[in-house]
Amino acid sequence: MHGILRGANGVVLMAADIPASMDYAPPAGMSLSLSGDDDAALRRYWEGLADGGSVVENLAQAPWGASFGMLIDRYGIDWMVNISPTS
């Protein structure tokens, strides 16, 4: 099960439940994903979410060409941020 919310600036907020093959541990039973091609906006979101949280995977160039990172925010919520290349 998942849900997607598209913002006016093209940023996508996507939520998904944890796969049945993984153990549930509140609040880690799901993760949220921000994706889009607005590099500046998504990097601001990344910095805000990382403030007081812990970075799991640095926001960096991924094999598929996007910038991608994973973190846990100060509230224990898992986040993924994917910034698509604009060209």
N, C-alpha and C. Protein backbone atom coordinates (compact mmCIF):
# COMPACT_ATOMS: atom_id res chain seq x y z
N MET A 1 0.85 -1.17 0.00
CA MET A 1 0.00 0.00 0.00
C MET A 1 0.90 1.23 0.00
N HIS A 2 0.54 2.23 -0.78
CA HIS A 2 1.31 3.46 -0.79
C HIS A 2 0.41 4.63 -1.17
N GLY A 3 0.91 5.81 -0.96
CA GLY A 3 0.20 7.02 -1.34
C GLY A 3 1.17 8.02 -1.91
N ILE A 4 0.68 8.87 -2.81
CA ILE A 4 1.52 9.87 -3.46
C ILE A 4 0.80 11.21 -3.41
N LEU A 5 1.55 12.26 -3.07
CA LEU A 5 1.06 13.63 -3.07
C LEU A 5 2.00 14.46 -3.91
N ARG A 6 1.48 15.11 -4.94
CA ARG A 6 2.30 15.94 -5.82
C ARG A 6 2.09 17.41 -5.46
N GLY A 7 3.21 18.09 -5.15
CA GLY A 7 3.15 19.50 -4.80
C GLY A 7 3.13 20.38 -6.04
N ALA A 8 2.72 21.62 -5.86
CA ALA A 8 2.63 22.58 -6.97
C ALA A 8 3.99 22.83 -7.62
N ASN A 9 5.08 22.67 -6.85
CA ASN A 9 6.42 22.91 -7.39
C ASN A 9 7.02 21.67 -8.03
N GLY A 10 6.22 20.61 -8.23
CA GLY A 10 6.69 19.39 -8.86
C GLY A 10 7.32 18.39 -7.91
N VAL A 11 7.41 18.74 -6.62
CA VAL A 11 7.97 17.81 -5.63
C VAL A 11 6.90 16.76 -5.31
N VAL A 12 7.32 15.51 -5.21
CA VAL A 12 6.42 14.40 -4.94
C VAL A 12 6.70 13.86 -3.54
N LEU A 13 5.67 13.74 -2.72
CA LEU A 13 5.76 13.10 -1.42
C LEU A 13 5.10 11.74 -1.56
N MET A 14 5.84 10.68 -1.30
CA MET A 14 5.31 9.33 -1.45
C MET A 14 5.51 8.59 -0.14
N ALA A 15 4.49 7.89 0.32
CA ALA A 15 4.58 7.07 1.53
C ALA A 15 4.27 5.62 1.16
N ALA A 16 4.97 4.70 1.79
CA ALA A 16 4.75 3.29 1.54
C ALA A 16 4.88 2.52 2.85
N ASP A 17 4.08 1.46 2.99
CA ASP A 17 4.22 0.63 4.18
C ASP A 17 5.41 -0.31 4.01
N ILE A 18 5.81 -0.90 5.11
CA ILE A 18 6.97 -1.79 5.10
C ILE A 18 6.60 -3.12 4.45
N PRO A 19 7.50 -3.72 3.67
CA PRO A 19 7.20 -5.01 3.05
C PRO A 19 6.94 -6.09 4.10
N ALA A 20 6.12 -7.07 3.76
CA ALA A 20 5.76 -8.15 4.69
C ALA A 20 6.99 -8.94 5.14
N SER A 21 8.05 -8.91 4.36
CA SER A 21 9.26 -9.67 4.70
C SER A 21 10.11 -9.00 5.79
N MET A 22 9.74 -7.78 6.20
CA MET A 22 10.50 -7.05 7.22
C MET A 22 9.68 -6.93 8.50
N ASP A 23 10.36 -6.94 9.65
CA ASP A 23 9.68 -6.78 10.93
C ASP A 23 9.24 -5.34 11.11
N TYR A 24 8.07 -5.15 11.72
CA TYR A 24 7.56 -3.81 12.03
C TYR A 24 8.08 -3.38 13.39
N ALA A 25 8.61 -2.16 13.47
CA ALA A 25 9.05 -1.57 14.73
C ALA A 25 8.65 -0.10 14.71
N PRO A 26 7.63 0.28 15.49
CA PRO A 26 7.17 1.66 15.46
C PRO A 26 8.28 2.66 15.78
N PRO A 27 8.35 3.83 15.18
CA PRO A 27 7.55 4.26 14.04
C PRO A 27 8.16 3.88 12.70
N ALA A 28 9.04 2.90 12.69
CA ALA A 28 9.78 2.57 11.48
C ALA A 28 9.02 1.66 10.52
N GLY A 29 7.73 1.53 10.66
CA GLY A 29 6.96 0.65 9.79
C GLY A 29 6.71 1.20 8.42
N MET A 30 7.22 2.39 8.15
CA MET A 30 7.04 3.00 6.84
C MET A 30 8.13 4.03 6.61
N SER A 31 8.24 4.47 5.37
CA SER A 31 9.17 5.55 5.06
C SER A 31 8.48 6.54 4.14
N LEU A 32 8.97 7.75 4.14
CA LEU A 32 8.46 8.79 3.27
C LEU A 32 9.52 9.14 2.25
N SER A 33 9.10 9.48 1.05
CA SER A 33 10.04 9.79 -0.02
C SER A 33 9.67 11.12 -0.65
N LEU A 34 10.65 11.99 -0.81
CA LEU A 34 10.50 13.23 -1.55
C LEU A 34 11.29 13.09 -2.85
N SER A 35 10.67 13.39 -3.97
CA SER A 35 11.38 13.30 -5.24
C SER A 35 10.90 14.38 -6.19
N GLY A 36 11.76 14.73 -7.11
CA GLY A 36 11.46 15.74 -8.11
C GLY A 36 12.75 16.23 -8.74
N ASP A 37 12.67 17.33 -9.50
CA ASP A 37 13.87 17.84 -10.15
C ASP A 37 14.25 19.25 -9.69
N ASP A 38 13.58 19.76 -8.65
CA ASP A 38 13.93 21.07 -8.09
C ASP A 38 15.06 20.88 -7.08
N ASP A 39 16.29 20.91 -7.57
CA ASP A 39 17.47 20.61 -6.77
C ASP A 39 17.54 21.48 -5.51
N ALA A 40 17.37 22.78 -5.64
CA ALA A 40 17.50 23.69 -4.50
C ALA A 40 16.44 23.39 -3.44
N ALA A 41 15.20 23.22 -3.85
CA ALA A 41 14.12 22.97 -2.90
C ALA A 41 14.32 21.64 -2.18
N LEU A 42 14.66 20.60 -2.92
CA LEU A 42 14.83 19.29 -2.31
C LEU A 42 16.04 19.24 -1.39
N ARG A 43 17.09 19.97 -1.70
CA ARG A 43 18.24 20.04 -0.80
C ARG A 43 17.87 20.79 0.49
N ARG A 44 17.03 21.81 0.39
CA ARG A 44 16.55 22.51 1.60
C ARG A 44 15.73 21.55 2.47
N TYR A 45 14.85 20.77 1.83
CA TYR A 45 14.06 19.78 2.58
C TYR A 45 14.99 18.78 3.26
N TRP A 46 16.00 18.31 2.52
CA TRP A 46 16.97 17.36 3.06
C TRP A 46 17.63 17.94 4.32
N GLU A 47 18.13 19.17 4.22
CA GLU A 47 18.82 19.80 5.36
C GLU A 47 17.87 19.94 6.55
N GLY A 48 16.64 20.34 6.29
CA GLY A 48 15.67 20.49 7.37
C GLY A 48 15.34 19.17 8.05
N LEU A 49 15.17 18.13 7.25
CA LEU A 49 14.88 16.82 7.81
C LEU A 49 16.08 16.25 8.57
N ALA A 50 17.28 16.51 8.08
CA ALA A 50 18.50 15.98 8.71
C ALA A 50 18.82 16.69 10.03
N ASP A 51 18.35 17.94 10.19
CA ASP A 51 18.63 18.71 11.39
C ASP A 51 18.04 18.00 12.61
N GLY A 52 18.89 17.52 13.48
CA GLY A 52 18.44 16.80 14.67
C GLY A 52 18.18 15.32 14.43
N GLY A 53 18.36 14.87 13.20
CA GLY A 53 18.15 13.47 12.86
C GLY A 53 19.48 12.78 12.60
N SER A 54 19.41 11.65 11.90
CA SER A 54 20.65 10.95 11.56
C SER A 54 20.60 10.51 10.10
N VAL A 55 21.69 10.78 9.40
CA VAL A 55 21.80 10.43 7.99
C VAL A 55 22.19 8.95 7.88
N VAL A 56 21.42 8.20 7.11
CA VAL A 56 21.68 6.79 6.88
C VAL A 56 22.57 6.63 5.65
N GLU A 57 22.23 7.38 4.61
CA GLU A 57 23.01 7.40 3.37
C GLU A 57 23.08 8.84 2.90
N ASN A 58 24.28 9.37 2.74
CA ASN A 58 24.46 10.76 2.32
C ASN A 58 23.75 11.05 1.01
N LEU A 59 23.26 12.26 0.88
CA LEU A 59 22.65 12.72 -0.37
C LEU A 59 23.78 12.89 -1.38
N ALA A 60 23.84 12.00 -2.37
CA ALA A 60 24.95 11.97 -3.32
C ALA A 60 24.48 11.35 -4.64
N GLN A 61 25.33 11.47 -5.65
CA GLN A 61 25.04 10.89 -6.96
C GLN A 61 24.80 9.39 -6.83
N ALA A 62 23.68 8.92 -7.35
CA ALA A 62 23.32 7.50 -7.32
C ALA A 62 23.62 6.86 -8.66
N PRO A 63 23.72 5.53 -8.72
CA PRO A 63 24.00 4.85 -9.99
C PRO A 63 23.00 5.15 -11.09
N TRP A 64 21.75 5.48 -10.74
CA TRP A 64 20.74 5.76 -11.76
C TRP A 64 20.74 7.22 -12.22
N GLY A 65 21.72 8.01 -11.75
CA GLY A 65 21.89 9.37 -12.26
C GLY A 65 21.30 10.46 -11.40
N ALA A 66 20.44 10.11 -10.48
CA ALA A 66 19.84 11.10 -9.59
C ALA A 66 20.75 11.31 -8.38
N SER A 67 20.45 12.34 -7.59
CA SER A 67 21.04 12.47 -6.27
C SER A 67 20.08 11.80 -5.31
N PHE A 68 20.58 10.96 -4.42
CA PHE A 68 19.72 10.17 -3.54
C PHE A 68 20.34 10.10 -2.16
N GLY A 69 19.50 10.15 -1.14
CA GLY A 69 19.95 9.98 0.23
C GLY A 69 18.84 9.46 1.11
N MET A 70 19.23 8.90 2.24
CA MET A 70 18.27 8.37 3.21
C MET A 70 18.64 8.89 4.60
N LEU A 71 17.62 9.21 5.39
CA LEU A 71 17.87 9.67 6.75
C LEU A 71 16.69 9.33 7.65
N ILE A 72 16.92 9.47 8.93
CA ILE A 72 15.88 9.34 9.94
C ILE A 72 15.76 10.69 10.61
N ASP A 73 14.57 11.30 10.54
CA ASP A 73 14.42 12.64 11.11
C ASP A 73 14.38 12.60 12.63
N ARG A 74 14.31 13.74 13.26
CA ARG A 74 14.35 13.85 14.72
C ARG A 74 13.19 13.14 15.41
N TYR A 75 12.14 12.80 14.64
CA TYR A 75 10.98 12.11 15.20
C TYR A 75 11.02 10.61 14.96
N GLY A 76 12.08 10.12 14.33
CA GLY A 76 12.21 8.70 14.07
C GLY A 76 11.60 8.23 12.77
N ILE A 77 11.23 9.17 11.89
CA ILE A 77 10.63 8.82 10.60
C ILE A 77 11.72 8.66 9.55
N ASP A 78 11.66 7.56 8.81
CA ASP A 78 12.60 7.30 7.72
C ASP A 78 12.20 8.10 6.49
N TRP A 79 13.18 8.75 5.87
CA TRP A 79 12.97 9.55 4.66
C TRP A 79 13.95 9.13 3.58
N MET A 80 13.50 9.20 2.34
CA MET A 80 14.35 9.06 1.17
C MET A 80 14.14 10.31 0.33
N VAL A 81 15.22 10.89 -0.18
CA VAL A 81 15.13 12.05 -1.05
C VAL A 81 15.82 11.71 -2.37
N ASN A 82 15.13 11.91 -3.46
CA ASN A 82 15.64 11.59 -4.80
C ASN A 82 15.50 12.84 -5.67
N ILE A 83 16.62 13.37 -6.13
CA ILE A 83 16.60 14.57 -6.98
C ILE A 83 16.97 14.14 -8.40
N SER A 84 16.00 14.19 -9.29
CA SER A 84 16.23 13.77 -10.68
C SER A 84 17.06 14.82 -11.42
N PRO A 85 17.93 14.35 -12.31
CA PRO A 85 18.67 15.33 -13.13
C PRO A 85 17.71 16.07 -14.05
N THR A 86 17.99 17.34 -14.29
CA THR A 86 17.09 18.14 -15.13
C THR A 86 17.40 18.00 -16.61
N SER A 87 18.55 17.47 -16.96
CA SER A 87 18.88 17.35 -18.39
C SER A 87 18.67 15.95 -18.90
